[in-house]
Amino acid sequence: MIFDLEKSAAVERHVDVLVIGAGTAGLPTAALLARTGELSVLCLESGGRHSADGTQSTNPLNQVVQANAVHAGASMGRFRCMGGTSTRWGAALIPFLDEDFSDPPWPIGSADLARYEHQVERLFGLREGPYDANGIDESGQETFAARSAKLPPFNRRNVFRLFRRECQSARGPEIWLNATVTDFTVTNQRVQRVTAKSAGGVTITVVPRQVIIAAGAIETTRLMLLLDHQNGGIVRAASPSLGCYFSDHLSARFADVVPHDPAALNRALGIRFEGGGMRDVRFNSTIRRANHADNMACYAHLIAEPASTSGFAALRDLLRHRQARSGPPPFALMLRLSRHLPWLLRCLWWFCFERRLLFADSQQLGMHMYTEQAACARNRITLDPAQVDRFGKPLALIQWSVRESDFADFCAATAAFADHWERSTLSRHAHLVPRDRQATRAEFMAGGGNFHPTGSTRMAADASSGVVNGNLDVFALDNLKLLSTSVLPTGGGANPTMTLLVLAMRCVEQITAQNAARRSRQESGSHCVALPPALDCCPDPAS
């Protein structure tokens, strides 16, 4: 059931599981845990049903204080509402490579997560299978590998739409909107009480057995810092790296792509329609060497940049409207589309016969490189000592910068990929024209990241090196898990959302198993561990 704290009186709840955040990872986790029928699950969401603005993150609760460089993801790309960032994300799902788990050492490996990938695919209605894109760029060398991300259709990207009826029913999780977490009470290394407030001051107090913070990388880190501040530094005493090693993917367009054969290039690298979703090619570096510049994970991606007045842009805006909200699109948007009927007809032909998304005539094709930012303890999130939010709680202070060594890594990656392209069959379809180095550097240094924040509550083998273990349990506390990209020790060579979602599926399975074992001990008095019920990650048929 969904409730609005702004329209309620003060309330107190005792539950098995409290999930903080009803976004990309939090909402599926809450819904799947409730689906077992054996756990009482409550979810606190600081936003309302929809984002206050369908195109930008204007919620005042997203305010942060920034030092050094501006991290764009702190103000853009954060959506407080049912579905969170999934109401607007690009939805590229692709797992990390084995090499991405090696440096610094993760407490888990790719094998620990791979078996959950099909659950994520089923959740979004995607075809199961490998992520390789063999045959696209034969080059006789193995410096880069073509891989194909899976993208759900726009109407299945918003996780709230996947679980809408389930969340609205009495059998789903109890969800409270406009409920911003403000206080944590910790005793005997357990989170005993969590308090949230509405803008009008109405409070909800939750007494949980298990807590999961799934509020996005920046907010999850801020809430952990707030918990630590309110409870005598209990987390930092065990995990001094809390808030440190904040990082992101860094990128810039390093070359223009000039086609020799536009149709052949479109067939090779255009978005491909497959089953219930789409596939999008990117090129992952597969070489890791001791040399620092060559050791960073990276991936190259062709991006078509349409003019804002193009038919492609109008079609994209229509699909994004469908992703974010139900209901008819605005009349002005449909009028924009009607002005590009000839292109839309060609686009339909390519969809039907080529199974590709047609590049727009007005599009500029650019090759972008995304590089993993080297871990640096000075890049961090802390609590600002002077500025507070509307609840009187400290704002997050982000101290983050892009270094010259980051740009050196980027240049090494782009040079390696340019060589790969020239040696591959792709050079028959188009050639790369390098951009001016100074213009590329300016874009890279001021880019503000790519909304892939990681590292500030990193997982590790022990508390001295991180904040959570391989099962996402906070080292300092017995009943708190963190489910956010902030737990990823490295950014890897891919969008981090797939890794976050498989961690969510793994988290659901573990909590379900732990609950079954607890019930078994209570009923039999023994210490035998019962097997968890089968986990079905498909949306409920009724939803």
Protein backbone atom coordinates (compact mmCIF):
# COMPACT_ATOMS: atom_id res chain seq x y z
CA MET A 1 0.00 0.00 0.00
CA ILE A 2 1.12 3.56 -0.70
CA PHE A 3 0.69 6.30 1.88
CA ASP A 4 1.61 10.00 1.92
CA LEU A 5 3.19 11.18 5.17
CA GLU A 6 2.24 14.75 4.29
CA LYS A 7 -1.42 13.73 4.57
CA SER A 8 -1.07 11.57 7.68
CA ALA A 9 -0.81 11.91 11.43
CA ALA A 10 2.32 10.76 13.28
CA VAL A 11 2.77 7.00 12.98
CA GLU A 12 5.00 4.23 14.35
CA ARG A 13 5.67 0.88 12.69
CA HIS A 14 7.49 -2.33 13.71
CA VAL A 15 8.67 -4.26 10.64
CA ASP A 16 10.98 -7.03 9.55
CA VAL A 17 12.67 -4.98 6.82
CA LEU A 18 12.95 -1.23 6.31
CA VAL A 19 14.10 -0.07 2.87
CA ILE A 20 15.13 3.57 2.56
CA GLY A 21 14.58 4.73 -1.01
CA ALA A 22 11.97 3.63 -3.58
CA GLY A 23 14.21 4.01 -6.62
CA THR A 24 15.93 1.78 -9.15
CA ALA A 25 17.25 -0.72 -6.58
CA GLY A 26 15.18 0.04 -3.49
CA LEU A 27 11.69 -0.42 -4.93
CA PRO A 28 12.33 -3.84 -6.57
CA THR A 29 14.06 -4.99 -3.38
CA ALA A 30 11.12 -3.97 -1.20
CA ALA A 31 8.54 -5.46 -3.59
CA LEU A 32 10.36 -8.79 -3.99
CA LEU A 33 10.92 -9.18 -0.26
CA ALA A 34 7.23 -8.48 0.40
CA ARG A 35 6.28 -10.98 -2.30
CA THR A 36 7.59 -13.87 -0.18
CA GLY A 37 4.60 -13.33 2.12
CA GLU A 38 6.78 -14.00 5.15
CA LEU A 39 8.26 -10.56 5.78
CA SER A 40 6.70 -7.24 6.74
CA VAL A 41 8.40 -4.65 4.55
CA LEU A 42 8.22 -0.87 4.77
CA CYS A 43 9.79 1.57 2.31
CA LEU A 44 10.47 5.24 2.98
CA GLU A 45 10.67 7.56 -0.05
CA SER A 46 11.57 11.23 0.37
CA GLY A 47 9.80 12.23 -2.87
CA GLY A 48 6.22 11.98 -4.10
CA ARG A 49 4.53 9.93 -6.82
CA HIS A 50 6.33 11.81 -9.59
CA SER A 51 9.43 13.94 -9.85
CA ALA A 52 8.66 17.62 -9.33
CA ASP A 53 10.08 18.29 -12.79
CA GLY A 54 10.07 15.73 -15.57
CA THR A 55 13.34 16.93 -17.09
CA GLN A 56 15.56 18.14 -14.27
CA SER A 57 16.22 17.19 -10.66
CA THR A 58 14.87 20.28 -8.94
CA ASN A 59 13.99 18.78 -5.56
CA PRO A 60 15.51 21.07 -2.88
CA LEU A 61 16.57 17.98 -0.93
CA ASN A 62 19.18 17.36 -3.64
CA GLN A 63 21.07 20.48 -2.58
CA VAL A 64 24.72 19.84 -1.80
CA VAL A 65 27.79 21.96 -1.17
CA GLN A 66 30.54 21.48 -3.78
CA ALA A 67 34.23 22.13 -3.36
CA ASN A 68 36.87 21.98 -6.09
CA ALA A 69 35.35 20.75 -9.36
CA VAL A 70 31.58 20.58 -9.83
CA HIS A 71 30.20 17.06 -9.85
CA ALA A 72 27.22 17.36 -12.22
CA GLY A 73 25.56 14.21 -10.89
CA ALA A 74 25.01 15.88 -7.53
CA SER A 75 22.37 18.21 -8.97
CA MET A 76 21.31 16.49 -12.20
CA GLY A 77 20.21 12.91 -12.68
CA ARG A 78 18.85 12.52 -9.13
CA PHE A 79 15.10 12.02 -8.91
CA ARG A 80 13.18 11.67 -5.65
CA CYS A 81 9.94 9.91 -6.50
CA MET A 82 8.46 6.46 -6.99
CA GLY A 83 10.93 4.76 -9.30
CA GLY A 84 13.66 7.31 -8.61
CA THR A 85 16.27 7.63 -11.33
CA SER A 86 14.64 4.79 -13.30
CA THR A 87 12.04 7.34 -14.39
CA ARG A 88 14.71 8.95 -16.57
CA TRP A 89 17.75 6.63 -16.89
CA GLY A 90 19.16 5.49 -20.22
CA ALA A 91 18.67 1.87 -19.07
CA ALA A 92 21.85 0.36 -20.54
CA LEU A 93 22.33 -2.94 -18.71
CA ILE A 94 25.69 -4.63 -19.08
CA PRO A 95 27.75 -6.57 -16.52
CA PHE A 96 31.29 -5.75 -15.50
CA LEU A 97 34.08 -7.81 -17.02
CA ASP A 98 36.04 -10.25 -14.86
CA GLU A 99 38.98 -7.83 -14.95
CA ASP A 100 36.87 -5.09 -13.36
CA PHE A 101 36.82 -6.98 -10.05
CA SER A 102 40.58 -7.15 -9.62
CA ASP A 103 42.03 -3.78 -8.58
CA PRO A 104 41.59 -2.91 -5.81
CA PRO A 105 40.49 -6.38 -4.75
CA TRP A 106 36.76 -6.82 -4.40
CA PRO A 107 35.53 -9.19 -1.66
CA ILE A 108 33.34 -10.81 -4.34
CA GLY A 109 33.95 -11.72 -7.96
CA SER A 110 32.04 -11.86 -11.20
CA ALA A 111 31.07 -15.48 -10.54
CA ASP A 112 29.25 -14.42 -7.35
CA LEU A 113 27.01 -12.09 -9.36
CA ALA A 114 26.66 -13.69 -12.81
CA ARG A 115 23.98 -16.15 -11.69
CA TYR A 116 21.64 -13.24 -10.87
CA GLU A 117 21.87 -11.61 -14.30
CA HIS A 118 18.96 -13.64 -15.70
CA GLN A 119 16.76 -12.40 -12.84
CA VAL A 120 17.44 -8.80 -13.85
CA GLU A 121 16.78 -9.67 -17.49
CA ARG A 122 13.46 -11.29 -16.57
CA LEU A 123 12.55 -8.28 -14.44
CA PHE A 124 12.81 -5.97 -17.46
CA GLY A 125 11.50 -8.48 -20.01
CA LEU A 126 14.85 -8.84 -21.79
CA ARG A 127 16.11 -11.81 -23.76
CA GLU A 128 18.63 -13.86 -21.82
CA GLY A 129 22.02 -14.52 -23.32
CA PRO A 130 25.57 -13.20 -23.68
CA TYR A 131 26.60 -9.58 -23.95
CA ASP A 132 29.27 -10.11 -26.58
CA ALA A 133 28.86 -8.43 -29.97
CA ASN A 134 30.99 -10.78 -32.03
CA GLY A 135 31.67 -10.09 -35.68
CA ILE A 136 31.32 -6.32 -35.56
CA ASP A 137 34.95 -5.20 -35.52
CA GLU A 138 37.36 -8.01 -36.42
CA SER A 139 40.81 -6.50 -36.05
CA GLY A 140 43.21 -9.33 -35.33
CA GLN A 141 43.99 -7.84 -31.91
CA GLU A 142 42.39 -8.06 -28.50
CA THR A 143 42.83 -4.60 -26.97
CA PHE A 144 39.11 -3.80 -27.18
CA ALA A 145 36.09 -6.10 -27.33
CA ALA A 146 32.74 -5.17 -28.80
CA ARG A 147 29.97 -5.74 -26.27
CA SER A 148 26.25 -5.13 -26.53
CA ALA A 149 24.32 -3.59 -23.65
CA LYS A 150 20.67 -4.59 -23.24
CA LEU A 151 18.10 -1.80 -23.02
CA PRO A 152 14.50 -2.39 -21.91
CA PRO A 153 11.78 -0.68 -23.94
CA PHE A 154 10.88 2.75 -22.57
CA ASN A 155 7.61 1.55 -21.03
CA ARG A 156 9.50 -1.01 -18.90
CA ARG A 157 12.37 1.15 -17.65
CA ASN A 158 10.53 2.77 -14.76
CA VAL A 159 10.58 0.17 -11.97
CA PHE A 160 7.45 1.65 -10.40
CA ARG A 161 5.52 0.77 -13.56
CA LEU A 162 6.76 -2.82 -13.23
CA PHE A 163 5.48 -3.13 -9.66
CA ARG A 164 2.67 -0.55 -9.65
CA ARG A 165 -0.30 -2.78 -8.83
CA GLU A 166 1.73 -4.85 -6.41
CA CYS A 167 2.79 -1.74 -4.50
CA GLN A 168 -0.77 -0.43 -4.47
CA SER A 169 -2.16 -3.67 -3.06
CA ALA A 170 -2.27 -4.79 0.55
CA ARG A 171 0.10 -7.70 -0.20
CA GLY A 172 2.88 -5.38 -1.37
CA PRO A 173 5.33 -3.38 0.73
CA GLU A 174 4.05 -0.52 2.86
CA ILE A 175 5.37 2.59 1.09
CA TRP A 176 5.45 6.05 2.63
CA LEU A 177 5.97 9.02 0.30
CA ASN A 178 7.31 12.45 1.29
CA ALA A 179 9.11 10.75 4.17
CA THR A 180 12.68 12.05 4.50
CA VAL A 181 14.89 10.16 6.95
CA THR A 182 16.27 12.53 9.58
CA ASP A 183 17.36 10.46 12.58
CA PHE A 184 18.88 7.08 13.46
CA THR A 185 19.00 5.53 16.92
CA VAL A 186 21.72 2.90 17.36
CA THR A 187 22.19 0.75 20.45
CA ASN A 188 24.25 -2.41 20.89
CA GLN A 189 25.51 -2.10 17.29
CA ARG A 190 21.99 -2.28 15.87
CA VAL A 191 19.81 0.34 14.25
CA GLN A 192 16.90 0.35 16.67
CA ARG A 193 14.79 3.20 15.32
CA VAL A 194 14.65 5.30 12.16
CA THR A 195 12.67 8.54 12.04
CA ALA A 196 11.48 10.27 8.89
CA LYS A 197 9.61 13.55 8.50
CA SER A 198 7.40 15.24 5.95
CA ALA A 199 7.95 18.84 4.89
CA GLY A 200 5.11 19.78 7.25
CA GLY A 201 6.77 18.09 10.23
CA VAL A 202 4.71 14.88 10.45
CA THR A 203 6.89 12.00 11.67
CA ILE A 204 7.00 8.28 11.05
CA THR A 205 9.09 6.15 13.38
CA VAL A 206 10.14 2.70 12.23
CA VAL A 207 11.47 -0.05 14.49
CA PRO A 208 13.08 -2.54 12.07
CA ARG A 209 14.74 -5.92 12.35
CA GLN A 210 16.79 -5.23 9.19
CA VAL A 211 17.54 -1.93 7.43
CA ILE A 212 18.58 -1.43 3.80
CA ILE A 213 19.66 2.02 2.62
CA ALA A 214 19.10 2.23 -1.13
CA ALA A 215 18.91 5.99 -1.60
CA GLY A 216 21.43 6.54 -4.41
CA ALA A 217 25.19 6.92 -4.04
CA ILE A 218 25.33 10.48 -2.73
CA GLU A 219 22.31 10.28 -0.41
CA THR A 220 23.23 6.83 0.89
CA THR A 221 26.64 8.19 1.84
CA ARG A 222 25.11 11.29 3.45
CA LEU A 223 22.71 9.16 5.49
CA MET A 224 25.58 6.97 6.68
CA LEU A 225 27.54 10.07 7.69
CA LEU A 226 24.43 11.38 9.47
CA LEU A 227 23.96 8.07 11.31
CA ASP A 228 27.62 8.14 12.31
CA HIS A 229 27.37 11.76 13.50
CA GLN A 230 24.24 11.07 15.57
CA ASN A 231 25.67 7.97 17.24
CA GLY A 232 29.10 8.88 18.49
CA GLY A 233 31.12 8.07 15.37
CA ILE A 234 30.31 4.37 15.54
CA VAL A 235 30.82 3.76 11.82
CA ARG A 236 34.02 5.75 11.35
CA ALA A 237 35.58 4.10 14.39
CA ALA A 238 35.47 0.82 12.50
CA SER A 239 35.61 2.11 8.91
CA PRO A 240 37.68 5.28 8.56
CA SER A 241 37.18 5.30 4.78
CA LEU A 242 33.49 6.26 5.10
CA GLY A 243 32.86 8.99 2.54
CA CYS A 244 36.28 8.66 0.90
CA TYR A 245 37.19 7.48 -2.61
CA PHE A 246 34.20 9.16 -4.25
CA SER A 247 34.64 8.73 -8.01
CA ASP A 248 32.83 8.62 -11.33
CA HIS A 249 33.38 7.72 -14.95
CA LEU A 250 35.01 10.59 -16.81
CA SER A 251 34.40 11.16 -20.50
CA ALA A 252 34.65 13.41 -23.52
CA ARG A 253 34.08 13.17 -27.25
CA PHE A 254 37.55 12.58 -28.64
CA ALA A 255 36.76 12.07 -32.34
CA ASP A 256 34.12 12.74 -34.95
CA VAL A 257 32.93 9.71 -36.90
CA VAL A 258 32.74 10.44 -40.63
CA PRO A 259 30.93 7.64 -42.53
CA HIS A 260 32.15 6.22 -45.84
CA ASP A 261 29.05 4.03 -45.93
CA PRO A 262 26.34 5.43 -43.60
CA ALA A 263 23.99 2.46 -44.04
CA ALA A 264 26.73 -0.06 -43.24
CA LEU A 265 27.77 1.93 -40.17
CA ASN A 266 24.13 2.13 -39.04
CA ARG A 267 23.83 -1.65 -39.37
CA ALA A 268 27.04 -2.22 -37.43
CA LEU A 269 26.67 0.28 -34.57
CA GLY A 270 23.08 1.51 -34.62
CA ILE A 271 20.78 0.48 -31.79
CA ARG A 272 19.37 -2.95 -32.63
CA PHE A 273 15.86 -4.10 -31.70
CA GLU A 274 15.75 -7.56 -30.19
CA GLY A 275 12.82 -9.37 -28.65
CA GLY A 276 11.34 -7.12 -26.01
CA GLY A 277 14.24 -4.69 -25.88
CA MET A 278 17.20 -3.14 -27.66
CA ARG A 279 20.95 -3.67 -27.92
CA ASP A 280 23.58 -0.92 -27.99
CA VAL A 281 27.25 -1.54 -28.85
CA ARG A 282 30.21 -0.24 -26.88
CA PHE A 283 33.88 -1.25 -26.87
CA ASN A 284 35.49 -2.42 -23.62
CA SER A 285 39.20 -2.35 -23.00
CA THR A 286 40.31 -5.92 -22.30
CA ILE A 287 43.97 -5.27 -21.48
CA ARG A 288 45.15 -4.64 -17.92
CA ARG A 289 48.86 -3.96 -17.37
CA ALA A 290 50.96 -2.89 -14.43
CA ASN A 291 51.40 0.54 -16.03
CA HIS A 292 48.82 2.82 -14.38
CA ALA A 293 47.55 4.46 -17.57
CA ASP A 294 46.92 1.10 -19.21
CA ASN A 295 45.41 -0.44 -16.10
CA MET A 296 42.30 1.73 -15.88
CA ALA A 297 39.05 0.26 -17.17
CA CYS A 298 37.43 2.15 -20.03
CA TYR A 299 34.92 1.84 -22.83
CA ALA A 300 34.27 3.69 -26.08
CA HIS A 301 30.77 4.42 -27.32
CA LEU A 302 29.41 5.93 -30.51
CA ILE A 303 26.89 8.64 -29.65
CA ALA A 304 24.56 10.17 -32.21
CA GLU A 305 23.93 13.79 -31.26
CA PRO A 306 20.76 15.00 -33.00
CA ALA A 307 19.75 18.60 -33.39
CA SER A 308 17.07 19.59 -30.87
CA THR A 309 14.72 20.32 -33.76
CA SER A 310 15.14 16.90 -35.42
CA GLY A 311 12.58 14.13 -35.67
CA PHE A 312 14.94 11.89 -33.71
CA ALA A 313 14.89 14.34 -30.78
CA ALA A 314 11.08 14.53 -30.88
CA LEU A 315 10.77 10.74 -30.92
CA ARG A 316 13.22 10.45 -28.03
CA ASP A 317 11.23 12.99 -25.98
CA LEU A 318 8.01 11.08 -26.65
CA LEU A 319 9.54 7.84 -25.42
CA ARG A 320 11.00 9.52 -22.34
CA HIS A 321 7.56 10.90 -21.50
CA ARG A 322 6.23 7.35 -21.68
CA GLN A 323 9.03 6.19 -19.39
CA ALA A 324 8.47 8.83 -16.73
CA ARG A 325 4.68 9.03 -16.66
CA SER A 326 1.56 7.32 -17.88
CA GLY A 327 -1.09 9.24 -19.77
CA PRO A 328 -1.23 10.92 -23.18
CA PRO A 329 1.78 12.93 -24.39
CA PRO A 330 1.54 16.72 -24.67
CA PHE A 331 -0.07 18.04 -27.85
CA ALA A 332 3.00 20.19 -28.61
CA LEU A 333 5.18 17.09 -28.64
CA MET A 334 2.90 15.28 -31.07
CA LEU A 335 2.91 18.38 -33.29
CA ARG A 336 6.73 18.33 -33.33
CA LEU A 337 6.66 14.69 -34.43
CA SER A 338 4.19 15.37 -37.23
CA ARG A 339 6.61 17.84 -38.79
CA HIS A 340 9.10 15.02 -39.41
CA LEU A 341 6.79 12.49 -41.07
CA PRO A 342 9.21 11.60 -43.94
CA TRP A 343 12.00 10.72 -41.50
CA LEU A 344 9.57 8.82 -39.28
CA LEU A 345 8.48 6.70 -42.26
CA ARG A 346 12.12 5.89 -43.07
CA CYS A 347 12.70 5.13 -39.40
CA LEU A 348 9.73 2.74 -39.48
CA TRP A 349 11.17 0.98 -42.55
CA TRP A 350 14.51 0.47 -40.77
CA PHE A 351 12.70 -0.81 -37.69
CA CYS A 352 10.71 -3.36 -39.69
CA PHE A 353 13.36 -4.59 -42.12
CA GLU A 354 16.76 -3.76 -40.62
CA ARG A 355 15.73 -4.03 -36.94
CA ARG A 356 17.83 -0.94 -36.28
CA LEU A 357 17.18 2.59 -35.08
CA LEU A 358 17.92 4.90 -38.01
CA PHE A 359 20.48 7.63 -37.51
CA ALA A 360 18.92 11.04 -38.10
CA ASP A 361 20.11 12.98 -41.16
CA SER A 362 21.04 15.93 -38.94
CA GLN A 363 22.95 13.87 -36.38
CA GLN A 364 26.60 14.39 -35.62
CA LEU A 365 28.30 11.09 -34.86
CA GLY A 366 30.89 11.32 -32.13
CA MET A 367 33.10 8.72 -30.48
CA HIS A 368 33.20 9.14 -26.72
CA MET A 369 35.61 7.49 -24.30
CA TYR A 370 34.55 6.72 -20.72
CA THR A 371 37.41 6.06 -18.31
CA GLU A 372 37.39 4.82 -14.76
CA GLN A 373 38.57 7.52 -12.37
CA ALA A 374 41.55 6.47 -10.27
CA ALA A 375 40.68 6.04 -6.60
CA CYS A 376 41.73 9.01 -4.49
CA ALA A 377 40.96 9.39 -0.77
CA ARG A 378 40.85 13.18 -1.14
CA ASN A 379 37.80 12.84 -3.40
CA ARG A 380 35.17 12.44 -0.73
CA ILE A 381 31.78 13.27 0.73
CA THR A 382 31.50 14.76 4.21
CA LEU A 383 28.84 16.69 6.14
CA ASP A 384 28.99 20.45 5.73
CA PRO A 385 29.53 22.06 9.15
CA ALA A 386 27.55 25.20 8.35
CA GLN A 387 24.72 24.52 5.91
CA VAL A 388 21.64 22.43 6.64
CA ASP A 389 18.53 21.23 4.81
CA ARG A 390 14.94 22.17 5.65
CA PHE A 391 14.95 19.60 8.46
CA GLY A 392 18.03 21.11 10.07
CA LYS A 393 20.33 18.27 8.99
CA PRO A 394 23.78 18.92 7.49
CA LEU A 395 24.07 19.04 3.71
CA ALA A 396 26.49 16.78 1.90
CA LEU A 397 29.80 18.47 1.12
CA ILE A 398 31.38 16.98 -2.02
CA GLN A 399 35.12 17.51 -2.35
CA TRP A 400 35.91 16.16 -5.79
CA SER A 401 38.28 17.01 -8.61
CA VAL A 402 39.54 15.73 -11.93
CA ARG A 403 43.33 15.43 -12.08
CA GLU A 404 45.79 15.68 -14.91
CA SER A 405 46.60 12.00 -14.37
CA ASP A 406 42.94 11.22 -15.14
CA PHE A 407 43.30 13.01 -18.46
CA ALA A 408 46.53 11.11 -19.16
CA ASP A 409 44.62 7.86 -18.66
CA PHE A 410 41.94 9.12 -21.03
CA CYS A 411 44.50 10.03 -23.72
CA ALA A 412 46.16 6.62 -23.46
CA ALA A 413 42.76 4.95 -23.87
CA THR A 414 41.73 7.05 -26.86
CA ALA A 415 45.04 6.44 -28.65
CA ALA A 416 44.67 2.69 -28.14
CA PHE A 417 41.10 2.72 -29.44
CA ALA A 418 41.95 4.83 -32.50
CA ASP A 419 44.59 2.24 -33.40
CA HIS A 420 42.05 -0.55 -32.82
CA TRP A 421 39.50 1.16 -35.10
CA GLU A 422 41.97 1.61 -37.95
CA ARG A 423 42.95 -2.05 -37.82
CA SER A 424 39.36 -3.27 -37.61
CA THR A 425 36.69 -3.80 -40.25
CA LEU A 426 34.89 -0.71 -38.91
CA SER A 427 37.38 1.49 -40.75
CA ARG A 428 35.69 0.37 -43.99
CA HIS A 429 32.46 2.07 -42.87
CA ALA A 430 33.83 5.29 -41.34
CA HIS A 431 36.99 6.97 -40.19
CA LEU A 432 37.72 8.78 -36.95
CA VAL A 433 38.72 12.43 -37.13
CA PRO A 434 40.44 13.42 -33.86
CA ARG A 435 39.15 16.52 -32.14
CA ASP A 436 41.42 19.33 -31.07
CA ARG A 437 43.28 18.16 -27.95
CA GLN A 438 42.69 21.38 -26.01
CA ALA A 439 38.94 21.30 -26.73
CA THR A 440 38.81 17.67 -25.67
CA ARG A 441 40.75 18.40 -22.50
CA ALA A 442 38.43 21.28 -21.60
CA GLU A 443 35.37 19.06 -22.05
CA PHE A 444 36.96 16.26 -20.04
CA MET A 445 38.14 18.37 -17.11
CA ALA A 446 34.84 20.27 -16.78
CA GLY A 447 32.49 17.43 -17.68
CA GLY A 448 31.36 16.80 -14.12
CA GLY A 449 31.26 13.01 -14.40
CA ASN A 450 28.70 10.73 -15.98
CA PHE A 451 26.18 10.10 -13.18
CA HIS A 452 27.98 6.82 -12.30
CA PRO A 453 29.15 7.68 -8.74
CA THR A 454 30.97 4.95 -6.82
CA GLY A 455 33.35 4.31 -3.95
CA SER A 456 32.21 6.43 -1.00
CA THR A 457 30.88 3.46 1.05
CA ARG A 458 33.03 0.86 -0.67
CA MET A 459 32.86 -2.86 -0.05
CA ALA A 460 36.02 -4.58 1.14
CA ALA A 461 37.32 -7.69 2.84
CA ASP A 462 37.70 -5.90 6.19
CA ALA A 463 36.58 -2.76 7.98
CA SER A 464 39.97 -1.06 7.71
CA SER A 465 39.60 -0.99 3.92
CA GLY A 466 35.88 -0.34 3.46
CA VAL A 467 32.44 0.23 4.94
CA VAL A 468 30.54 -2.93 3.94
CA ASN A 469 31.52 -6.54 3.35
CA GLY A 470 30.80 -8.62 0.28
CA ASN A 471 27.21 -9.18 1.47
CA LEU A 472 26.66 -5.39 1.77
CA ASP A 473 26.54 -5.58 5.58
CA VAL A 474 27.96 -2.50 7.31
CA PHE A 475 30.97 -3.68 9.32
CA ALA A 476 30.14 -1.50 12.31
CA LEU A 477 26.48 -2.57 12.64
CA ASP A 478 24.64 -5.88 12.79
CA ASN A 479 21.44 -5.10 10.92
CA LEU A 480 22.26 -2.54 8.23
CA LYS A 481 22.95 -3.15 4.52
CA LEU A 482 23.81 -0.57 1.86
CA LEU A 483 22.45 -1.08 -1.65
CA SER A 484 23.91 1.66 -3.80
CA THR A 485 26.64 2.14 -6.39
CA SER A 486 28.56 3.84 -3.58
CA VAL A 487 29.55 0.34 -2.41
CA LEU A 488 31.39 -0.45 -5.65
CA PRO A 489 35.17 -0.23 -5.02
CA THR A 490 35.82 0.65 -8.67
CA GLY A 491 33.83 2.12 -11.54
CA GLY A 492 34.75 -0.68 -13.93
CA GLY A 493 34.37 -0.55 -17.68
CA ALA A 494 30.57 -0.42 -17.87
CA ASN A 495 27.52 1.43 -16.59
CA PRO A 496 27.20 0.35 -12.93
CA THR A 497 23.41 -0.18 -12.88
CA MET A 498 23.49 -3.85 -13.89
CA THR A 499 25.97 -4.58 -11.12
CA LEU A 500 23.75 -2.71 -8.65
CA LEU A 501 20.66 -4.64 -9.71
CA VAL A 502 22.33 -8.06 -9.46
CA LEU A 503 23.49 -7.03 -6.00
CA ALA A 504 19.84 -6.25 -5.22
CA MET A 505 18.72 -9.70 -6.40
CA ARG A 506 21.46 -11.28 -4.30
CA CYS A 507 20.42 -9.19 -1.29
CA VAL A 508 16.80 -10.33 -1.63
CA GLU A 509 17.88 -13.97 -1.78
CA GLN A 510 20.13 -13.64 1.27
CA ILE A 511 17.54 -11.90 3.44
CA THR A 512 14.88 -14.42 2.39
CA ALA A 513 17.22 -17.29 3.32
CA GLN A 514 18.12 -15.71 6.65
CA ASN A 515 14.45 -15.22 7.49
CA ALA A 516 13.63 -18.81 6.56
CA ALA A 517 16.48 -20.04 8.77
CA ARG A 518 15.29 -17.87 11.67
CA ARG A 519 11.73 -19.16 11.35
CA SER A 520 12.97 -22.72 11.15
CA ARG A 521 14.96 -22.31 14.36
CA GLN A 522 11.97 -20.73 16.10
CA GLU A 523 9.64 -23.52 15.03
CA SER A 524 11.93 -26.49 15.61
CA GLY A 525 14.36 -25.25 18.20
CA SER A 526 17.20 -26.58 16.03
CA HIS A 527 19.93 -24.78 14.13
CA CYS A 528 19.15 -26.30 10.75
CA VAL A 529 19.09 -23.77 7.89
CA ALA A 530 15.95 -23.99 5.76
CA LEU A 531 16.14 -23.34 2.06
CA PRO A 532 14.56 -20.05 0.90
CA PRO A 533 11.46 -20.13 -1.27
CA ALA A 534 12.03 -19.84 -5.00
CA LEU A 535 12.72 -16.27 -6.03
CA ASP A 536 10.68 -15.07 -9.01
CA CYS A 537 11.90 -11.68 -10.15
CA CYS A 538 9.32 -11.21 -12.88
CA PRO A 539 6.82 -8.45 -12.18
CA ASP A 540 3.61 -9.69 -10.69
CA PRO A 541 1.20 -10.80 -13.46
CA ALA A 542 -1.40 -8.41 -12.11
CA SER A 543 0.99 -5.47 -12.55
